[in-house]
Amino acid sequence: EQVGLLRIVATLLGGLSALGMSLLWPSWQSGTVWKTLQDAVQAQA
C-alpha cells in the first residue's frame, strides 16, 4: 500500500516539477519555427 501511494504522490510531484521547470525556464520552439522554415525553403530551392 505504501509503495503504491508513494509512487502516485512522487510521480505527480515529479510531473508538476518537470512542467514547472519547462514554464519557468522555457525553451520555446515557436521562436525558431520561422527561421527553420525559411532555411528549409532555401534548401529546397
Full PDB file with SEQRES, HELIX, SHEET, SSBOND, CRYST1, ORIGX, SCALE, CONECT and MASTER records, all heavy atoms in Angstrom:
SEQRES   1 A   45  GLU GLN VAL GLY LEU LEU ARG ILE VAL ALA THR LEU LEU          
SEQRES   2 A   45  GLY GLY LEU SER ALA LEU GLY MET SER LEU LEU TRP PRO          
SEQRES   3 A   45  SER TRP GLN SER GLY THR VAL TRP LYS THR LEU GLN ASP          
SEQRES   4 A   45  ALA VAL GLN ALA GLN ALA                                      
HELIX    1 AA1 GLN A    2  LEU A   24  1                                  23    
HELIX    2 AA2 SER A   30  GLN A   44  1                                  15    
CRYST1    1.000    1.000    1.000  90.00  90.00  90.00 P 1           1          
ORIGX1      1.000000  0.000000  0.000000        0.00000                         
ORIGX2      0.000000  1.000000  0.000000        0.00000                         
ORIGX3      0.000000  0.000000  1.000000        0.00000                         
SCALE1      1.000000  0.000000  0.000000        0.00000                         
SCALE2      0.000000  1.000000  0.000000        0.00000                         
SCALE3      0.000000  0.000000  1.000000        0.00000                         
ATOM      1  N   GLU A   1       0.839  -1.194   0.000  1.00  0.00           N  
ATOM      2  CA  GLU A   1       0.000   0.000   0.000  1.00  0.00           C  
ATOM      3  C   GLU A   1       0.878   1.250   0.000  1.00  0.00           C  
ATOM      4  O   GLU A   1       0.624   2.217  -0.697  1.00  0.00           O  
ATOM      5  CB  GLU A   1      -0.927   0.009   1.232  1.00  0.00           C  
ATOM      6  CG  GLU A   1      -1.845  -1.195   1.323  1.00  0.00           C  
ATOM      7  CD  GLU A   1      -1.230  -2.309   2.135  1.00  0.00           C  
ATOM      8  OE1 GLU A   1      -0.004  -2.307   2.317  1.00  0.00           O  
ATOM      9  OE2 GLU A   1      -1.974  -3.176   2.596  1.00  0.00           O  
ATOM     10  N   GLN A   2       1.934   1.202   0.831  1.00  0.00           N  
ATOM     11  CA  GLN A   2       2.814   2.353   0.937  1.00  0.00           C  
ATOM     12  C   GLN A   2       3.548   2.582  -0.381  1.00  0.00           C  
ATOM     13  O   GLN A   2       3.696   3.719  -0.825  1.00  0.00           O  
ATOM     14  CB  GLN A   2       3.817   2.124   2.066  1.00  0.00           C  
ATOM     15  CG  GLN A   2       4.698   3.316   2.357  1.00  0.00           C  
ATOM     16  CD  GLN A   2       5.720   3.020   3.427  1.00  0.00           C  
ATOM     17  OE1 GLN A   2       6.087   1.866   3.633  1.00  0.00           O  
ATOM     18  NE2 GLN A   2       6.175   4.038   4.103  1.00  0.00           N  
ATOM     19  N   VAL A   3       4.016   1.515  -0.998  1.00  0.00           N  
ATOM     20  CA  VAL A   3       4.726   1.644  -2.258  1.00  0.00           C  
ATOM     21  C   VAL A   3       3.828   2.282  -3.319  1.00  0.00           C  
ATOM     22  O   VAL A   3       4.220   3.216  -4.016  1.00  0.00           O  
ATOM     23  CB  VAL A   3       5.228   0.264  -2.732  1.00  0.00           C  
ATOM     24  CG1 VAL A   3       5.782   0.353  -4.139  1.00  0.00           C  
ATOM     25  CG2 VAL A   3       6.283  -0.258  -1.777  1.00  0.00           C  
ATOM     26  N   GLY A   4       2.606   1.792  -3.440  1.00  0.00           N  
ATOM     27  CA  GLY A   4       1.707   2.334  -4.446  1.00  0.00           C  
ATOM     28  C   GLY A   4       1.383   3.793  -4.203  1.00  0.00           C  
ATOM     29  O   GLY A   4       1.425   4.621  -5.118  1.00  0.00           O  
ATOM     30  N   LEU A   5       1.085   4.157  -2.952  1.00  0.00           N  
ATOM     31  CA  LEU A   5       0.733   5.538  -2.639  1.00  0.00           C  
ATOM     32  C   LEU A   5       1.916   6.468  -2.861  1.00  0.00           C  
ATOM     33  O   LEU A   5       1.777   7.556  -3.434  1.00  0.00           O  
ATOM     34  CB  LEU A   5       0.254   5.630  -1.188  1.00  0.00           C  
ATOM     35  CG  LEU A   5      -0.126   7.037  -0.693  1.00  0.00           C  
ATOM     36  CD1 LEU A   5      -1.266   7.585  -1.527  1.00  0.00           C  
ATOM     37  CD2 LEU A   5      -0.500   6.996   0.784  1.00  0.00           C  
ATOM     38  N   LEU A   6       3.097   6.051  -2.417  1.00  0.00           N  
ATOM     39  CA  LEU A   6       4.273   6.891  -2.594  1.00  0.00           C  
ATOM     40  C   LEU A   6       4.591   7.103  -4.072  1.00  0.00           C  
ATOM     41  O   LEU A   6       4.994   8.195  -4.476  1.00  0.00           O  
ATOM     42  CB  LEU A   6       5.475   6.258  -1.887  1.00  0.00           C  
ATOM     43  CG  LEU A   6       5.497   6.366  -0.361  1.00  0.00           C  
ATOM     44  CD1 LEU A   6       6.645   5.568   0.207  1.00  0.00           C  
ATOM     45  CD2 LEU A   6       5.599   7.822   0.060  1.00  0.00           C  
ATOM     46  N   ARG A   7       4.424   6.056  -4.863  1.00  0.00           N  
ATOM     47  CA  ARG A   7       4.712   6.205  -6.295  1.00  0.00           C  
ATOM     48  C   ARG A   7       3.745   7.188  -6.937  1.00  0.00           C  
ATOM     49  O   ARG A   7       4.141   8.010  -7.761  1.00  0.00           O  
ATOM     50  CB  ARG A   7       4.646   4.848  -6.988  1.00  0.00           C  
ATOM     51  CG  ARG A   7       5.038   4.930  -8.464  1.00  0.00           C  
ATOM     52  CD  ARG A   7       5.169   3.560  -9.082  1.00  0.00           C  
ATOM     53  NE  ARG A   7       5.539   3.672 -10.482  1.00  0.00           N  
ATOM     54  CZ  ARG A   7       6.774   3.849 -10.920  1.00  0.00           C  
ATOM     55  NH1 ARG A   7       7.766   3.942 -10.067  1.00  0.00           N  
ATOM     56  NH2 ARG A   7       7.030   3.948 -12.207  1.00  0.00           N  
ATOM     57  N   ILE A   8       2.472   7.136  -6.559  1.00  0.00           N  
ATOM     58  CA  ILE A   8       1.498   8.075  -7.118  1.00  0.00           C  
ATOM     59  C   ILE A   8       1.855   9.502  -6.742  1.00  0.00           C  
ATOM     60  O   ILE A   8       1.911  10.399  -7.596  1.00  0.00           O  
ATOM     61  CB  ILE A   8       0.082   7.718  -6.624  1.00  0.00           C  
ATOM     62  CG1 ILE A   8      -0.380   6.398  -7.244  1.00  0.00           C  
ATOM     63  CG2 ILE A   8      -0.900   8.828  -6.978  1.00  0.00           C  
ATOM     64  CD1 ILE A   8      -1.711   5.911  -6.704  1.00  0.00           C  
ATOM     65  N   VAL A   9       2.101   9.736  -5.452  1.00  0.00           N  
ATOM     66  CA  VAL A   9       2.406  11.095  -4.990  1.00  0.00           C  
ATOM     67  C   VAL A   9       3.693  11.614  -5.616  1.00  0.00           C  
ATOM     68  O   VAL A   9       3.760  12.751  -6.115  1.00  0.00           O  
ATOM     69  CB  VAL A   9       2.491  11.119  -3.451  1.00  0.00           C  
ATOM     70  CG1 VAL A   9       2.964  12.490  -2.964  1.00  0.00           C  
ATOM     71  CG2 VAL A   9       1.146  10.780  -2.838  1.00  0.00           C  
ATOM     72  N   ALA A  10       4.744  10.780  -5.602  1.00  0.00           N  
ATOM     73  CA  ALA A  10       6.027  11.216  -6.152  1.00  0.00           C  
ATOM     74  C   ALA A  10       5.943  11.446  -7.655  1.00  0.00           C  
ATOM     75  O   ALA A  10       6.566  12.378  -8.187  1.00  0.00           O  
ATOM     76  CB  ALA A  10       7.108  10.177  -5.843  1.00  0.00           C  
ATOM     77  N   THR A  11       5.176  10.628  -8.346  1.00  0.00           N  
ATOM     78  CA  THR A  11       5.022  10.805  -9.788  1.00  0.00           C  
ATOM     79  C   THR A  11       4.279  12.096 -10.096  1.00  0.00           C  
ATOM     80  O   THR A  11       4.649  12.841 -11.020  1.00  0.00           O  
ATOM     81  CB  THR A  11       4.280   9.604 -10.401  1.00  0.00           C  
ATOM     82  OG1 THR A  11       5.025   8.416 -10.148  1.00  0.00           O  
ATOM     83  CG2 THR A  11       4.124   9.781 -11.908  1.00  0.00           C  
ATOM     84  N   LEU A  12       3.232  12.380  -9.340  1.00  0.00           N  
ATOM     85  CA  LEU A  12       2.510  13.644  -9.530  1.00  0.00           C  
ATOM     86  C   LEU A  12       3.420  14.837  -9.270  1.00  0.00           C  
ATOM     87  O   LEU A  12       3.434  15.805 -10.042  1.00  0.00           O  
ATOM     88  CB  LEU A  12       1.284  13.682  -8.611  1.00  0.00           C  
ATOM     89  CG  LEU A  12       0.141  12.733  -8.967  1.00  0.00           C  
ATOM     90  CD1 LEU A  12      -0.926  12.749  -7.879  1.00  0.00           C  
ATOM     91  CD2 LEU A  12      -0.474  13.113 -10.315  1.00  0.00           C  
ATOM     92  N   LEU A  13       4.187  14.779  -8.179  1.00  0.00           N  
ATOM     93  CA  LEU A  13       5.101  15.875  -7.870  1.00  0.00           C  
ATOM     94  C   LEU A  13       6.183  16.009  -8.949  1.00  0.00           C  
ATOM     95  O   LEU A  13       6.555  17.120  -9.335  1.00  0.00           O  
ATOM     96  CB  LEU A  13       5.748  15.643  -6.504  1.00  0.00           C  
ATOM     97  CG  LEU A  13       4.835  15.797  -5.284  1.00  0.00           C  
ATOM     98  CD1 LEU A  13       5.595  15.450  -4.008  1.00  0.00           C  
ATOM     99  CD2 LEU A  13       4.276  17.213  -5.202  1.00  0.00           C  
ATOM    100  N   GLY A  14       6.686  14.872  -9.416  1.00  0.00           N  
ATOM    101  CA  GLY A  14       7.690  14.921 -10.475  1.00  0.00           C  
ATOM    102  C   GLY A  14       7.137  15.497 -11.766  1.00  0.00           C  
ATOM    103  O   GLY A  14       7.814  16.277 -12.452  1.00  0.00           O  
ATOM    104  N   GLY A  15       5.906  15.121 -12.111  1.00  0.00           N  
ATOM    105  CA  GLY A  15       5.287  15.677 -13.309  1.00  0.00           C  
ATOM    106  C   GLY A  15       5.088  17.174 -13.201  1.00  0.00           C  
ATOM    107  O   GLY A  15       5.356  17.930 -14.146  1.00  0.00           O  
ATOM    108  N   LEU A  16       4.622  17.633 -12.049  1.00  0.00           N  
ATOM    109  CA  LEU A  16       4.447  19.070 -11.842  1.00  0.00           C  
ATOM    110  C   LEU A  16       5.790  19.799 -11.863  1.00  0.00           C  
ATOM    111  O   LEU A  16       5.899  20.916 -12.374  1.00  0.00           O  
ATOM    112  CB  LEU A  16       3.725  19.320 -10.514  1.00  0.00           C  
ATOM    113  CG  LEU A  16       2.263  18.856 -10.448  1.00  0.00           C  
ATOM    114  CD1 LEU A  16       1.704  19.048  -9.047  1.00  0.00           C  
ATOM    115  CD2 LEU A  16       1.416  19.612 -11.466  1.00  0.00           C  
ATOM    116  N   SER A  17       6.822  19.171 -11.303  1.00  0.00           N  
ATOM    117  CA  SER A  17       8.157  19.783 -11.301  1.00  0.00           C  
ATOM    118  C   SER A  17       8.695  19.937 -12.722  1.00  0.00           C  
ATOM    119  O   SER A  17       9.271  20.976 -13.077  1.00  0.00           O  
ATOM    120  CB  SER A  17       9.117  18.937 -10.461  1.00  0.00           C  
ATOM    121  OG  SER A  17       8.673  18.847  -9.129  1.00  0.00           O  
ATOM    122  N   ALA A  18       8.518  18.881 -13.549  1.00  0.00           N  
ATOM    123  CA  ALA A  18       9.003  18.951 -14.930  1.00  0.00           C  
ATOM    124  C   ALA A  18       8.262  20.021 -15.716  1.00  0.00           C  
ATOM    125  O   ALA A  18       8.869  20.807 -16.461  1.00  0.00           O  
ATOM    126  CB  ALA A  18       8.845  17.584 -15.606  1.00  0.00           C  
ATOM    127  N   LEU A  19       6.942  20.071 -15.545  1.00  0.00           N  
ATOM    128  CA  LEU A  19       6.157  21.082 -16.252  1.00  0.00           C  
ATOM    129  C   LEU A  19       6.515  22.479 -15.752  1.00  0.00           C  
ATOM    130  O   LEU A  19       6.639  23.425 -16.542  1.00  0.00           O  
ATOM    131  CB  LEU A  19       4.664  20.810 -16.052  1.00  0.00           C  
ATOM    132  CG  LEU A  19       3.694  21.749 -16.790  1.00  0.00           C  
ATOM    133  CD1 LEU A  19       3.936  21.699 -18.286  1.00  0.00           C  
ATOM    134  CD2 LEU A  19       2.254  21.376 -16.473  1.00  0.00           C  
ATOM    135  N   GLY A  20       6.680  22.617 -14.418  1.00  0.00           N  
ATOM    136  CA  GLY A  20       7.052  23.913 -13.869  1.00  0.00           C  
ATOM    137  C   GLY A  20       8.400  24.388 -14.370  1.00  0.00           C  
ATOM    138  O   GLY A  20       8.580  25.574 -14.693  1.00  0.00           O  
ATOM    139  N   MET A  21       9.365  23.477 -14.463  1.00  0.00           N  
ATOM    140  CA  MET A  21      10.678  23.845 -14.979  1.00  0.00           C  
ATOM    141  C   MET A  21      10.587  24.279 -16.444  1.00  0.00           C  
ATOM    142  O   MET A  21      11.275  25.219 -16.874  1.00  0.00           O  
ATOM    143  CB  MET A  21      11.635  22.667 -14.830  1.00  0.00           C  
ATOM    144  CG  MET A  21      13.068  22.957 -15.265  1.00  0.00           C  
ATOM    145  SD  MET A  21      13.883  24.241 -14.297  1.00  0.00           S  
ATOM    146  CE  MET A  21      14.208  23.356 -12.761  1.00  0.00           C  
ATOM    147  N   SER A  22       9.723  23.615 -17.226  1.00  0.00           N  
ATOM    148  CA  SER A  22       9.547  23.995 -18.632  1.00  0.00           C  
ATOM    149  C   SER A  22       8.965  25.395 -18.770  1.00  0.00           C  
ATOM    150  O   SER A  22       9.294  26.127 -19.712  1.00  0.00           O  
ATOM    151  CB  SER A  22       8.627  22.986 -19.334  1.00  0.00           C  
ATOM    152  OG  SER A  22       9.229  21.722 -19.408  1.00  0.00           O  
ATOM    153  N   LEU A  23       8.077  25.774 -17.833  1.00  0.00           N  
ATOM    154  CA  LEU A  23       7.449  27.087 -17.900  1.00  0.00           C  
ATOM    155  C   LEU A  23       8.338  28.179 -17.308  1.00  0.00           C  
ATOM    156  O   LEU A  23       8.389  29.297 -17.835  1.00  0.00           O  
ATOM    157  CB  LEU A  23       6.102  27.052 -17.166  1.00  0.00           C  
ATOM    158  CG  LEU A  23       5.022  26.170 -17.804  1.00  0.00           C  
ATOM    159  CD1 LEU A  23       3.797  26.092 -16.915  1.00  0.00           C  
ATOM    160  CD2 LEU A  23       4.641  26.703 -19.177  1.00  0.00           C  
ATOM    161  N   LEU A  24       9.038  27.859 -16.215  1.00  0.00           N  
ATOM    162  CA  LEU A  24       9.891  28.861 -15.578  1.00  0.00           C  
ATOM    163  C   LEU A  24      11.192  29.079 -16.349  1.00  0.00           C  
ATOM    164  O   LEU A  24      11.767  30.172 -16.323  1.00  0.00           O  
ATOM    165  CB  LEU A  24      10.211  28.427 -14.141  1.00  0.00           C  
ATOM    166  CG  LEU A  24       9.028  28.396 -13.168  1.00  0.00           C  
ATOM    167  CD1 LEU A  24       9.462  27.832 -11.822  1.00  0.00           C  
ATOM    168  CD2 LEU A  24       8.427  29.793 -12.995  1.00  0.00           C  
ATOM    169  N   TRP A  25      11.661  28.025 -16.996  1.00  0.00           N  
ATOM    170  CA  TRP A  25      12.911  28.091 -17.773  1.00  0.00           C  
ATOM    171  C   TRP A  25      12.594  27.547 -19.171  1.00  0.00           C  
ATOM    172  O   TRP A  25      13.028  26.478 -19.549  1.00  0.00           O  
ATOM    173  CB  TRP A  25      13.974  27.253 -17.094  1.00  0.00           C  
ATOM    174  CG  TRP A  25      15.364  27.507 -17.555  1.00  0.00           C  
ATOM    175  CD1 TRP A  25      15.767  28.160 -18.689  1.00  0.00           C  
ATOM    176  CD2 TRP A  25      16.569  27.088 -16.897  1.00  0.00           C  
ATOM    177  NE1 TRP A  25      17.116  28.172 -18.787  1.00  0.00           N  
ATOM    178  CE2 TRP A  25      17.648  27.531 -17.703  1.00  0.00           C  
ATOM    179  CE3 TRP A  25      16.838  26.384 -15.723  1.00  0.00           C  
ATOM    180  CZ2 TRP A  25      18.967  27.282 -17.358  1.00  0.00           C  
ATOM    181  CZ3 TRP A  25      18.154  26.138 -15.381  1.00  0.00           C  
ATOM    182  CH2 TRP A  25      19.208  26.581 -16.181  1.00  0.00           C  
ATOM    183  N   PRO A  26      11.819  28.316 -19.947  1.00  0.00           N  
ATOM    184  CA  PRO A  26      11.261  27.765 -21.192  1.00  0.00           C  
ATOM    185  C   PRO A  26      12.300  27.648 -22.298  1.00  0.00           C  
ATOM    186  O   PRO A  26      13.332  28.328 -22.310  1.00  0.00           O  
ATOM    187  CB  PRO A  26      10.180  28.781 -21.562  1.00  0.00           C  
ATOM    188  CG  PRO A  26      10.669  30.067 -20.988  1.00  0.00           C  
ATOM    189  CD  PRO A  26      11.386  29.700 -19.716  1.00  0.00           C  
ATOM    190  N   SER A  27      11.984  26.766 -23.228  1.00  0.00           N  
ATOM    191  CA  SER A  27      12.781  26.594 -24.437  1.00  0.00           C  
ATOM    192  C   SER A  27      11.802  26.484 -25.601  1.00  0.00           C  
ATOM    193  O   SER A  27      11.594  25.418 -26.171  1.00  0.00           O  
ATOM    194  CB  SER A  27      13.651  25.334 -24.323  1.00  0.00           C  
ATOM    195  OG  SER A  27      14.449  25.165 -25.469  1.00  0.00           O  
ATOM    196  N   TRP A  28      11.159  27.616 -25.926  1.00  0.00           N  
ATOM    197  CA  TRP A  28      10.071  27.608 -26.899  1.00  0.00           C  
ATOM    198  C   TRP A  28      10.581  27.331 -28.309  1.00  0.00           C  
ATOM    199  O   TRP A  28      11.569  27.921 -28.764  1.00  0.00           O  
ATOM    200  CB  TRP A  28       9.337  28.943 -26.902  1.00  0.00           C  
ATOM    201  CG  TRP A  28       8.735  29.364 -25.599  1.00  0.00           C  
ATOM    202  CD1 TRP A  28       8.989  30.505 -24.913  1.00  0.00           C  
ATOM    203  CD2 TRP A  28       7.764  28.648 -24.821  1.00  0.00           C  
ATOM    204  NE1 TRP A  28       8.250  30.553 -23.761  1.00  0.00           N  
ATOM    205  CE2 TRP A  28       7.488  29.426 -23.674  1.00  0.00           C  
ATOM    206  CE3 TRP A  28       7.123  27.424 -24.969  1.00  0.00           C  
ATOM    207  CZ2 TRP A  28       6.592  29.030 -22.701  1.00  0.00           C  
ATOM    208  CZ3 TRP A  28       6.228  27.026 -23.995  1.00  0.00           C  
ATOM    209  CH2 TRP A  28       5.962  27.810 -22.885  1.00  0.00           C  
ATOM    210  N   GLN A  29       9.896  26.445 -29.001  1.00  0.00           N  
ATOM    211  CA  GLN A  29      10.201  26.168 -30.403  1.00  0.00           C  
ATOM    212  C   GLN A  29       9.616  27.231 -31.323  1.00  0.00           C  
ATOM    213  O   GLN A  29      10.085  27.409 -32.443  1.00  0.00           O  
ATOM    214  CB  GLN A  29       9.643  24.797 -30.802  1.00  0.00           C  
ATOM    215  CG  GLN A  29      10.218  23.639 -30.000  1.00  0.00           C  
ATOM    216  CD  GLN A  29      11.685  23.427 -30.245  1.00  0.00           C  
ATOM    217  OE1 GLN A  29      12.116  23.268 -31.382  1.00  0.00           O  
ATOM    218  NE2 GLN A  29      12.469  23.437 -29.180  1.00  0.00           N  
ATOM    219  N   SER A  30       8.590  27.938 -30.849  1.00  0.00           N  
ATOM    220  CA  SER A  30       7.947  28.953 -31.687  1.00  0.00           C  
ATOM    221  C   SER A  30       8.916  30.057 -32.072  1.00  0.00           C  
ATOM    222  O   SER A  30       8.763  30.692 -33.118  1.00  0.00           O  
ATOM    223  CB  SER A  30       6.749  29.557 -30.947  1.00  0.00           C  
ATOM    224  OG  SER A  30       5.806  28.571 -30.638  1.00  0.00           O  
ATOM    225  N   GLY A  31       9.911  30.302 -31.239  1.00  0.00           N  
ATOM    226  CA  GLY A  31      10.857  31.363 -31.557  1.00  0.00           C  
ATOM    227  C   GLY A  31      11.760  31.044 -32.730  1.00  0.00           C  
ATOM    228  O   GLY A  31      12.363  31.955 -33.311  1.00  0.00           O  
ATOM    229  N   THR A  32      11.883  29.766 -33.088  1.00  0.00           N  
ATOM    230  CA  THR A  32      12.775  29.378 -34.185  1.00  0.00           C  
ATOM    231  C   THR A  32      12.035  28.820 -35.392  1.00  0.00           C  
ATOM    232  O   THR A  32      12.684  28.503 -36.396  1.00  0.00           O  
ATOM    233  CB  THR A  32      13.767  28.312 -33.694  1.00  0.00           C  
ATOM    234  OG1 THR A  32      13.048  27.141 -33.276  1.00  0.00           O  
ATOM    235  CG2 THR A  32      14.581  28.824 -32.516  1.00  0.00           C  
ATOM    236  N   VAL A  33      10.709  28.711 -35.302  1.00  0.00           N  
ATOM    237  CA  VAL A  33       9.992  27.990 -36.350  1.00  0.00           C  
ATOM    238  C   VAL A  33      10.056  28.729 -37.690  1.00  0.00           C  
ATOM    239  O   VAL A  33      10.205  28.095 -38.744  1.00  0.00           O  
ATOM    240  CB  VAL A  33       8.530  27.740 -35.915  1.00  0.00           C  
ATOM    241  CG1 VAL A  33       7.753  29.025 -35.749  1.00  0.00           C  
ATOM    242  CG2 VAL A  33       7.836  26.816 -36.902  1.00  0.00           C  
ATOM    243  N   TRP A  34       9.976  30.061 -37.673  1.00  0.00           N  
ATOM    244  CA  TRP A  34      10.018  30.789 -38.941  1.00  0.00           C  
ATOM    245  C   TRP A  34      11.393  30.681 -39.592  1.00  0.00           C  
ATOM    246  O   TRP A  34      11.506  30.488 -40.802  1.00  0.00           O  
ATOM    247  CB  TRP A  34       9.647  32.259 -38.712  1.00  0.00           C  
ATOM    248  CG  TRP A  34       8.190  32.491 -38.501  1.00  0.00           C  
ATOM    249  CD1 TRP A  34       7.566  32.818 -37.336  1.00  0.00           C  
ATOM    250  CD2 TRP A  34       7.160  32.390 -39.488  1.00  0.00           C  
ATOM    251  NE1 TRP A  34       6.212  32.935 -37.531  1.00  0.00           N  
ATOM    252  CE2 TRP A  34       5.934  32.688 -38.850  1.00  0.00           C  
ATOM    253  CE3 TRP A  34       7.138  32.090 -40.845  1.00  0.00           C  
ATOM    254  CZ2 TRP A  34       4.720  32.685 -39.515  1.00  0.00           C  
ATOM    255  CZ3 TRP A  34       5.929  32.093 -41.518  1.00  0.00           C  
ATOM    256  CH2 TRP A  34       4.742  32.383 -40.855  1.00  0.00           C  
ATOM    257  N   LYS A  35      12.444  30.811 -38.792  1.00  0.00           N  
ATOM    258  CA  LYS A  35      13.793  30.690 -39.344  1.00  0.00           C  
ATOM    259  C   LYS A  35      14.030  29.275 -39.867  1.00  0.00           C  
ATOM    260  O   LYS A  35      14.648  29.092 -40.937  1.00  0.00           O  
ATOM    261  CB  LYS A  35      14.813  31.022 -38.246  1.00  0.00           C  
ATOM    262  CG  LYS A  35      16.268  30.884 -38.678  1.00  0.00           C  
ATOM    263  CD  LYS A  35      16.607  31.898 -39.773  1.00  0.00           C  
ATOM    264  CE  LYS A  35      18.115  31.992 -39.997  1.00  0.00           C  
ATOM    265  NZ  LYS A  35      18.731  30.726 -40.417  1.00  0.00           N  
ATOM    266  N   THR A  36      13.541  28.266 -39.145  1.00  0.00           N  
ATOM    267  CA  THR A  36      13.708  26.882 -39.589  1.00  0.00           C  
ATOM    268  C   THR A  36      12.985  26.642 -40.904  1.00  0.00           C  
ATOM    269  O   THR A  36      13.517  25.998 -41.822  1.00  0.00           O  
ATOM    270  CB  THR A  36      13.178  25.921 -38.518  1.00  0.00           C  
ATOM    271  OG1 THR A  36      13.830  26.176 -37.285  1.00  0.00           O  
ATOM    272  CG2 THR A  36      13.422  24.476 -38.924  1.00  0.00           C  
ATOM    273  N   LEU A  37      11.770  27.171 -41.026  1.00  0.00           N  
ATOM    274  CA  LEU A  37      11.017  27.021 -42.272  1.00  0.00           C  
ATOM    275  C   LEU A  37      11.706  27.757 -43.412  1.00  0.00           C  
ATOM    276  O   LEU A  37      11.784  27.242 -44.542  1.00  0.00           O  
ATOM    277  CB  LEU A  37       9.592  27.535 -42.083  1.00  0.00           C  
ATOM    278  CG  LEU A  37       8.683  27.444 -43.310  1.00  0.00           C  
ATOM    279  CD1 LEU A  37       8.502  25.993 -43.741  1.00  0.00           C  
ATOM    280  CD2 LEU A  37       7.321  28.065 -43.020  1.00  0.00           C  
ATOM    281  N   GLN A  38      12.215  28.951 -43.149  1.00  0.00           N  
ATOM    282  CA  GLN A  38      12.908  29.710 -44.187  1.00  0.00           C  
ATOM    283  C   GLN A  38      14.145  28.962 -44.677  1.00  0.00           C  
ATOM    284  O   GLN A  38      14.416  28.907 -45.885  1.00  0.00           O  
ATOM    285  CB  GLN A  38      13.297  31.082 -43.634  1.00  0.00           C  
ATOM    286  CG  GLN A  38      13.803  32.070 -44.694  1.00  0.00           C  
ATOM    287  CD  GLN A  38      14.072  33.429 -44.100  1.00  0.00           C  
ATOM    288  OE1 GLN A  38      14.393  33.554 -42.917  1.00  0.00           O  
ATOM    289  NE2 GLN A  38      13.920  34.471 -44.908  1.00  0.00           N  
ATOM    290  N   ASP A  39      14.892  28.360 -43.754  1.00  0.00           N  
ATOM    291  CA  ASP A  39      16.064  27.573 -44.156  1.00  0.00           C  
ATOM    292  C   ASP A  39      15.656  26.363 -44.995  1.00  0.00           C  
ATOM    293  O   ASP A  39      16.345  26.001 -45.953  1.00  0.00           O  
ATOM    294  CB  ASP A  39      16.817  27.097 -42.911  1.00  0.00           C  
ATOM    295  CG  ASP A  39      17.495  28.241 -42.167  1.00  0.00           C  
ATOM    296  OD1 ASP A  39      17.649  29.321 -42.758  1.00  0.00           O  
ATOM    297  OD2 ASP A  39      17.845  28.051 -40.989  1.00  0.00           O  
ATOM    298  N   ALA A  40      14.533  25.732 -44.626  1.00  0.00           N  
ATOM    299  CA  ALA A  40      14.061  24.572 -45.387  1.00  0.00           C  
ATOM    300  C   ALA A  40      13.664  24.964 -46.799  1.00  0.00           C  
ATOM    301  O   ALA A  40      13.947  24.243 -47.768  1.00  0.00           O  
ATOM    302  CB  ALA A  40      12.888  23.925 -44.663  1.00  0.00           C  
ATOM    303  N   VAL A  41      12.997  26.108 -46.939  1.00  0.00           N  
ATOM    304  CA  VAL A  41      12.595  26.578 -48.276  1.00  0.00           C  
ATOM    305  C   VAL A  41      13.828  26.917 -49.107  1.00  0.00           C  
ATOM    306  O   VAL A  41      13.886  26.613 -50.312  1.00  0.00           O  
ATOM    307  CB  VAL A  41      11.649  27.790 -48.148  1.00  0.00           C  
ATOM    308  CG1 VAL A  41      11.387  28.415 -49.512  1.00  0.00           C  
ATOM    309  CG2 VAL A  41      10.332  27.364 -47.511  1.00  0.00           C  
ATOM    310  N   GLN A  42      14.818  27.544 -48.502  1.00  0.00           N  
ATOM    311  CA  GLN A  42      16.039  27.881 -49.224  1.00  0.00           C  
ATOM    312  C   GLN A  42      16.771  26.610 -49.675  1.00  0.00           C  
ATOM    313  O   GLN A  42      17.277  26.540 -50.798  1.00  0.00           O  
ATOM    314  CB  GLN A  42      16.950  28.723 -48.329  1.00  0.00           C  
ATOM    315  CG  GLN A  42      18.256  29.141 -48.984  1.00  0.00           C  
ATOM    316  CD  GLN A  42      18.040  29.946 -50.250  1.00  0.00           C  
ATOM    317  OE1 GLN A  42      17.220  30.864 -50.286  1.00  0.00           O  
ATOM    318  NE2 GLN A  42      18.757  29.593 -51.320  1.00  0.00           N  
ATOM    319  N   ALA A  43      16.821  25.606 -48.786  1.00  0.00           N  
ATOM    320  CA  ALA A  43      17.447  24.338 -49.168  1.00  0.00           C  
ATOM    321  C   ALA A  43      16.678  23.664 -50.292  1.00  0.00           C  
ATOM    322  O   ALA A  43      17.279  23.046 -51.183  1.00  0.00           O  
ATOM    323  CB  ALA A  43      17.526  23.413 -47.950  1.00  0.00           C  
ATOM    324  N   GLN A  44      15.356  23.789 -50.268  1.00  0.00           N  
ATOM    325  CA  GLN A  44      14.543  23.213 -51.337  1.00  0.00           C  
ATOM    326  C   GLN A  44      14.831  23.904 -52.669  1.00  0.00           C  
ATOM    327  O   GLN A  44      14.901  23.254 -53.716  1.00  0.00           O  
ATOM    328  CB  GLN A  44      13.060  23.348 -50.982  1.00  0.00           C  
ATOM    329  CG  GLN A  44      12.106  22.705 -51.973  1.00  0.00           C  
ATOM    330  CD  GLN A  44      12.246  21.190 -51.996  1.00  0.00           C  
ATOM    331  OE1 GLN A  44      12.735  20.597 -51.033  1.00  0.00           O  
ATOM    332  NE2 GLN A  44      11.847  20.573 -53.084  1.00  0.00           N  
ATOM    333  N   ALA A  45      15.003  25.225 -52.618  1.00  0.00           N  
ATOM    334  CA  ALA A  45      15.339  25.957 -53.838  1.00  0.00           C  
ATOM    335  C   ALA A  45      16.703  25.521 -54.373  1.00  0.00           C  
ATOM    336  O   ALA A  45      16.891  25.361 -55.589  1.00  0.00           O  
ATOM    337  CB  ALA A  45      15.324  27.459 -53.560  1.00  0.00           C  
TER     338      ALA A  45                                                      
MASTER        0    0    0    2    0    0    0    6  337    1    0    4          
END                                                                             
